[in-house]
Amino acid sequence: MTRKSSDELIIRVLQDDCTPEERTEFDQLSVSDQNFARKVAAVKTWLDPLSDEEASQAPDETLLDDIFKEIDAPDR
């Protein structure tokens, strides 16, 4: 596996944007290759804050339902 493809594999799996085959390859490499496992840990350290930031900016899960309720509400 080339450096670029291992980096891509790590990012795809950590972002949950991978195929089942990629997940299997990732799991196998995480156990069998210490360099790969270290790289996974390093990538997690810079991806985690991005995920936290994204989650903090996400709208409330009920926002769309609330908007439609307001639209459908009879005039007061």
C-alpha atoms as a PDB file:
ATOM      1  CA  MET A   1       0.000   0.000   0.000  1.00  0.00           C
ATOM      2  CA  THR A   2       1.352   3.413  -0.928  1.00  0.00           C
ATOM      3  CA  ARG A   3       1.551   6.280   1.521  1.00  0.00           C
ATOM      4  CA  LYS A   4      -1.172   8.197  -0.292  1.00  0.00           C
ATOM      5  CA  SER A   5      -3.569   5.275  -0.390  1.00  0.00           C
ATOM      6  CA  SER A   6      -2.986   4.395   3.272  1.00  0.00           C
ATOM      7  CA  ASP A   7      -3.696   8.017   4.227  1.00  0.00           C
ATOM      8  CA  GLU A   8      -6.845   7.968   2.101  1.00  0.00           C
ATOM      9  CA  LEU A   9      -7.922   4.664   3.637  1.00  0.00           C
ATOM     10  CA  ILE A  10      -7.481   6.011   7.158  1.00  0.00           C
ATOM     11  CA  ILE A  11      -9.423   9.181   6.449  1.00  0.00           C
ATOM     12  CA  ARG A  12     -12.230   7.366   4.644  1.00  0.00           C
ATOM     13  CA  VAL A  13     -12.666   4.885   7.502  1.00  0.00           C
ATOM     14  CA  LEU A  14     -12.445   7.505  10.246  1.00  0.00           C
ATOM     15  CA  GLN A  15     -15.034   9.614   8.450  1.00  0.00           C
ATOM     16  CA  ASP A  16     -17.218   6.530   7.992  1.00  0.00           C
ATOM     17  CA  ASP A  17     -17.108   6.956   4.222  1.00  0.00           C
ATOM     18  CA  CYS A  18     -15.638   3.577   3.326  1.00  0.00           C
ATOM     19  CA  THR A  19     -16.663   0.331   1.740  1.00  0.00           C
ATOM     20  CA  PRO A  20     -16.873  -2.886   3.779  1.00  0.00           C
ATOM     21  CA  GLU A  21     -13.707  -4.052   2.032  1.00  0.00           C
ATOM     22  CA  GLU A  22     -11.858  -0.887   3.061  1.00  0.00           C
ATOM     23  CA  ARG A  23     -13.066  -1.336   6.644  1.00  0.00           C
ATOM     24  CA  THR A  24     -11.747  -4.912   6.646  1.00  0.00           C
ATOM     25  CA  GLU A  25      -8.392  -3.806   5.247  1.00  0.00           C
ATOM     26  CA  PHE A  26      -8.218  -1.004   7.830  1.00  0.00           C
ATOM     27  CA  ASP A  27      -8.993  -3.403  10.699  1.00  0.00           C
ATOM     28  CA  GLN A  28      -6.393  -5.918   9.509  1.00  0.00           C
ATOM     29  CA  LEU A  29      -3.692  -3.285   9.069  1.00  0.00           C
ATOM     30  CA  SER A  30      -4.473  -1.722  12.455  1.00  0.00           C
ATOM     31  CA  VAL A  31      -3.670  -5.044  14.110  1.00  0.00           C
ATOM     32  CA  SER A  32      -0.778  -6.216  11.950  1.00  0.00           C
ATOM     33  CA  ASP A  33       1.116  -3.002  11.140  1.00  0.00           C
ATOM     34  CA  GLN A  34       2.359  -0.800  13.998  1.00  0.00           C
ATOM     35  CA  ASN A  35       3.293   2.028  11.636  1.00  0.00           C
ATOM     36  CA  PHE A  36      -0.235   2.029  10.253  1.00  0.00           C
ATOM     37  CA  ALA A  37      -1.703   2.014  13.773  1.00  0.00           C
ATOM     38  CA  ARG A  38       0.508   4.987  14.734  1.00  0.00           C
ATOM     39  CA  LYS A  39      -0.599   6.836  11.624  1.00  0.00           C
ATOM     40  CA  VAL A  40      -4.256   6.161  12.513  1.00  0.00           C
ATOM     41  CA  ALA A  41      -3.679   7.640  15.972  1.00  0.00           C
ATOM     42  CA  ALA A  42      -2.001  10.705  14.467  1.00  0.00           C
ATOM     43  CA  VAL A  43      -4.782  11.296  11.957  1.00  0.00           C
ATOM     44  CA  LYS A  44      -7.398  10.936  14.711  1.00  0.00           C
ATOM     45  CA  THR A  45      -5.721  13.730  16.669  1.00  0.00           C
ATOM     46  CA  TRP A  46      -6.337  16.229  13.886  1.00  0.00           C
ATOM     47  CA  LEU A  47      -9.675  14.865  12.647  1.00  0.00           C
ATOM     48  CA  ASP A  48     -11.376  14.713  16.057  1.00  0.00           C
ATOM     49  CA  PRO A  49     -11.419  18.496  16.614  1.00  0.00           C
ATOM     50  CA  LEU A  50     -12.878  18.954  13.127  1.00  0.00           C
ATOM     51  CA  SER A  51     -15.646  16.466  13.936  1.00  0.00           C
ATOM     52  CA  ASP A  52     -16.340  18.217  17.240  1.00  0.00           C
ATOM     53  CA  GLU A  53     -16.558  21.578  15.474  1.00  0.00           C
ATOM     54  CA  GLU A  54     -18.898  20.175  12.845  1.00  0.00           C
ATOM     55  CA  ALA A  55     -21.153  18.673  15.505  1.00  0.00           C
ATOM     56  CA  SER A  56     -21.269  21.920  17.465  1.00  0.00           C
ATOM     57  CA  GLN A  57     -22.435  23.802  14.364  1.00  0.00           C
ATOM     58  CA  ALA A  58     -25.100  21.315  13.377  1.00  0.00           C
ATOM     59  CA  PRO A  59     -28.677  22.546  13.766  1.00  0.00           C
ATOM     60  CA  ASP A  60     -31.005  20.964  16.277  1.00  0.00           C
ATOM     61  CA  GLU A  61     -32.294  17.647  14.924  1.00  0.00           C
ATOM     62  CA  THR A  62     -35.903  18.811  15.307  1.00  0.00           C
ATOM     63  CA  LEU A  63     -35.402  22.108  13.473  1.00  0.00           C
ATOM     64  CA  LEU A  64     -36.914  20.954  10.188  1.00  0.00           C
ATOM     65  CA  ASP A  65     -39.944  19.437  11.945  1.00  0.00           C
ATOM     66  CA  ASP A  66     -40.415  22.664  13.916  1.00  0.00           C
ATOM     67  CA  ILE A  67     -40.281  24.731  10.721  1.00  0.00           C
ATOM     68  CA  PHE A  68     -42.901  22.560   9.023  1.00  0.00           C
ATOM     69  CA  LYS A  69     -45.161  22.733  12.086  1.00  0.00           C
ATOM     70  CA  GLU A  70     -44.983  26.514  11.926  1.00  0.00           C
ATOM     71  CA  ILE A  71     -45.748  26.511   8.201  1.00  0.00           C
ATOM     72  CA  ASP A  72     -48.689  24.128   8.650  1.00  0.00           C
ATOM     73  CA  ALA A  73     -50.065  25.916  11.726  1.00  0.00           C
ATOM     74  CA  PRO A  74     -53.336  27.755  11.163  1.00  0.00           C
ATOM     75  CA  ASP A  75     -53.111  31.533  11.112  1.00  0.00           C
ATOM     76  CA  ARG A  76     -53.549  32.965  14.548  1.00  0.00           C
END
